[in-house]
Amino acid sequence: MLQTGTHLSFSVGGIVIEIEDPARTWEFSGKDPHRAFLVERRETPNIALRVQRGARAPRLPGKPIYSTDGGLWNLHHDNGGIAVSLGAPAEGGALHRVARMDGAFTRGEVLVTPAGDRPAFHPYPLRYPLDEVIVINHLARGRGAIFHAAGLITPRGEGWLFLGRSGAGKSTMSGLWAGREGCAIISDDRIIVRPEDRHGETGCRMYGTPWHGDAEVSSPKSAPLARIFLLEQAPENRLVTATPGDAARSMLVNCFAPFYDAAGMEWTLGFVNEIVGQVPVHTLRFLPEASLVDHLLNEGVTA
């Protein structure tokens, strides 16, 4: 059964996104990770988007200010705001979605054109990577950042972040913790970190996202960020305290930062330094063995 109505809301990282789609005939399937992030409609969502369906894509202003490799998505200045355009390489590069956002990335419209609005192709108007691109830019306005990381909530309710690029072992690490009593992996690939006030003291909180990796783990759960591990596969388990400089560099390399946005980048750099100043960061050289879980929980990895 379709989720009825023209409005749909979901929450990622504490950010409520409302989609208004007057011609909506789609829903998140039972296997779609977004289903776990659905929430009741809010009077004032953090991001409000209205969907329009048209016969042709709009003309975009000038050259993009940023383009991904292959032109999957591009950013354009657009009358004081930003336009995000998406093409479909598999469809010969046809432009099929354009999101026109205000400067704060809180309000906008998404135009879906026939090139990408066919049944069984992508009826969800914010289909990846558009939803993630919007959230990245919304966070960069002083609200947080997305990191290439797996996230664990320990039996003590602490948030542990396992940071690393593709191939570093995030999915492997997620598998090692799977099924361990009292533990919850909330993502194997994308984690949102946001500043929060903890009883008058500043801290950080980490959140799962629907944008999973190979292990297909995603959850809307969150926890106070307590430890960060920089992943390195090695012939033995060893935990080494990272210097502030190494920690900040590794976090920035694994951050989905808005390099095309000077103000957003300045804030993100400051936020990364705040995280490093608040949360212990270690390089975790590890063997992909179940014994590592006990080592970490019992503080048994040699430093």
Foldseek 3Di string as FASTA:
>chain_A
DAPDDQWWWFAFPNAIEIEGEPPDPDHQDPLQLRVQGTDDDDPAGQAYEYEDEDAADDDAPDDFLDADVVRQWTWGDDPQWIKIWGFDVVLVRGTAKIWTAHNLLRYTYIYGHPSQCDPPRDVPRCPPPNVVVSVQSNCLVQWWFKFFWKWKQALVQEIETEHDDPPLQLLLVVVLCPPPPSMDTAASTIKIKGWDQDPNDIFIKIAWDSDHDPNNHHHGDMGTHAEYEYGHEDPAWAKAFDDLVVQLVRRVVRIPFPPSDVSSNVSHSVVSSVNSVHYTYIYTHHDSDSVVVVCVVVVNHHD
